[in-house]
Amino acid sequence: MQIDLLPSSILVKPGVTAVEVERVLHAKTDLPDFLLGPMKAGDKASMPMAAVYHMAGDLITRARIYWGRCP
């Protein structure tokens, strides 16, 4: 399985960083029991996701990750 993360938007403000990405899964082999549904070698599936990081200086103090539905 190969996973590509394609950022679509990034927001950086004092104390908060947020990112929206499209997560693209590439099946390298047949995956009949894959969590999102069976995939055959060569299949692709994409899933939107977003993350919000609350920062204190260089440290992440809180992280929230949101997963969208797979089409």
C-alpha atoms as a PDB file:
ATOM      1  CA  MET A   1       0.000   0.000   0.000  1.00  0.00           C
ATOM      2  CA  GLN A   2       1.281   3.429  -0.940  1.00  0.00           C
ATOM      3  CA  ILE A   3      -0.271   6.526   0.619  1.00  0.00           C
ATOM      4  CA  ASP A   4       0.041   9.997  -0.922  1.00  0.00           C
ATOM      5  CA  LEU A   5      -0.976  13.099   1.031  1.00  0.00           C
ATOM      6  CA  LEU A   6      -1.931  15.993  -1.247  1.00  0.00           C
ATOM      7  CA  PRO A   7      -2.369  19.266   0.684  1.00  0.00           C
ATOM      8  CA  SER A   8      -5.204  21.446  -0.571  1.00  0.00           C
ATOM      9  CA  SER A   9      -5.018  24.264   1.993  1.00  0.00           C
ATOM     10  CA  ILE A  10      -2.856  25.284   4.918  1.00  0.00           C
ATOM     11  CA  LEU A  11      -3.632  27.930   7.534  1.00  0.00           C
ATOM     12  CA  VAL A  12      -0.979  29.206   9.933  1.00  0.00           C
ATOM     13  CA  LYS A  13      -1.908  31.693  12.652  1.00  0.00           C
ATOM     14  CA  PRO A  14      -0.253  32.409  15.993  1.00  0.00           C
ATOM     15  CA  GLY A  15      -1.000  29.396  18.198  1.00  0.00           C
ATOM     16  CA  VAL A  16      -2.866  27.367  15.539  1.00  0.00           C
ATOM     17  CA  THR A  17      -1.934  25.514  12.363  1.00  0.00           C
ATOM     18  CA  ALA A  18      -4.545  23.751  10.211  1.00  0.00           C
ATOM     19  CA  VAL A  19      -4.236  21.672   7.054  1.00  0.00           C
ATOM     20  CA  GLU A  20      -6.660  20.008   4.623  1.00  0.00           C
ATOM     21  CA  VAL A  21      -5.341  17.107   2.573  1.00  0.00           C
ATOM     22  CA  GLU A  22      -6.570  14.467   0.165  1.00  0.00           C
ATOM     23  CA  ARG A  23      -5.240  11.059   1.214  1.00  0.00           C
ATOM     24  CA  VAL A  24      -4.837   8.787  -1.819  1.00  0.00           C
ATOM     25  CA  LEU A  25      -4.344   5.071  -1.195  1.00  0.00           C
ATOM     26  CA  HIS A  26      -2.715   2.969  -3.941  1.00  0.00           C
ATOM     27  CA  ALA A  27      -3.090  -0.818  -3.619  1.00  0.00           C
ATOM     28  CA  LYS A  28       0.144  -2.533  -4.660  1.00  0.00           C
ATOM     29  CA  THR A  29      -1.345  -6.015  -4.111  1.00  0.00           C
ATOM     30  CA  ASP A  30      -4.863  -7.407  -3.765  1.00  0.00           C
ATOM     31  CA  LEU A  31      -6.343  -6.416  -0.389  1.00  0.00           C
ATOM     32  CA  PRO A  32      -9.552  -8.466  -0.054  1.00  0.00           C
ATOM     33  CA  ASP A  33      -9.978  -7.657   3.679  1.00  0.00           C
ATOM     34  CA  PHE A  34      -9.065  -3.962   3.560  1.00  0.00           C
ATOM     35  CA  LEU A  35     -10.931  -1.917   6.181  1.00  0.00           C
ATOM     36  CA  LEU A  36     -12.497   0.457   3.619  1.00  0.00           C
ATOM     37  CA  GLY A  37     -13.540  -2.396   1.330  1.00  0.00           C
ATOM     38  CA  PRO A  38     -11.765  -4.860  -0.951  1.00  0.00           C
ATOM     39  CA  MET A  39      -9.123  -3.408  -3.247  1.00  0.00           C
ATOM     40  CA  LYS A  40      -7.334  -5.052  -6.158  1.00  0.00           C
ATOM     41  CA  ALA A  41      -3.743  -4.338  -7.155  1.00  0.00           C
ATOM     42  CA  GLY A  42      -3.698  -1.019  -9.020  1.00  0.00           C
ATOM     43  CA  ASP A  43      -6.889   0.327  -7.384  1.00  0.00           C
ATOM     44  CA  LYS A  44      -6.891   3.805  -5.848  1.00  0.00           C
ATOM     45  CA  ALA A  45      -9.130   5.237  -3.157  1.00  0.00           C
ATOM     46  CA  SER A  46      -9.117   8.812  -1.894  1.00  0.00           C
ATOM     47  CA  MET A  47     -10.229  10.197   1.436  1.00  0.00           C
ATOM     48  CA  PRO A  48     -10.382  13.836   2.535  1.00  0.00           C
ATOM     49  CA  MET A  49      -8.957  14.681   5.927  1.00  0.00           C
ATOM     50  CA  ALA A  50      -8.087  17.733   7.987  1.00  0.00           C
ATOM     51  CA  ALA A  51      -5.949  18.388  11.040  1.00  0.00           C
ATOM     52  CA  VAL A  52      -5.851  21.286  13.485  1.00  0.00           C
ATOM     53  CA  TYR A  53      -2.795  21.717  15.689  1.00  0.00           C
ATOM     54  CA  HIS A  54      -2.797  24.026  18.723  1.00  0.00           C
ATOM     55  CA  MET A  55       0.703  25.250  19.418  1.00  0.00           C
ATOM     56  CA  ALA A  56       2.671  26.692  22.345  1.00  0.00           C
ATOM     57  CA  GLY A  57       5.859  27.904  20.721  1.00  0.00           C
ATOM     58  CA  ASP A  58       7.267  24.913  18.821  1.00  0.00           C
ATOM     59  CA  LEU A  59       5.247  22.359  20.828  1.00  0.00           C
ATOM     60  CA  ILE A  60       1.927  20.834  19.769  1.00  0.00           C
ATOM     61  CA  THR A  61      -0.388  21.054  22.782  1.00  0.00           C
ATOM     62  CA  ARG A  62      -3.488  19.595  21.123  1.00  0.00           C
ATOM     63  CA  ALA A  63      -4.167  17.896  17.795  1.00  0.00           C
ATOM     64  CA  ARG A  64      -7.534  17.152  16.190  1.00  0.00           C
ATOM     65  CA  ILE A  65      -7.779  15.032  13.051  1.00  0.00           C
ATOM     66  CA  TYR A  66     -10.936  14.728  10.964  1.00  0.00           C
ATOM     67  CA  TRP A  67     -11.546  12.010   8.382  1.00  0.00           C
ATOM     68  CA  GLY A  68     -14.030  12.391   5.557  1.00  0.00           C
ATOM     69  CA  ARG A  69     -15.967   9.626   3.868  1.00  0.00           C
ATOM     70  CA  CYS A  70     -14.495   7.613   1.064  1.00  0.00           C
ATOM     71  CA  PRO A  71     -16.419   7.995  -2.189  1.00  0.00           C
END
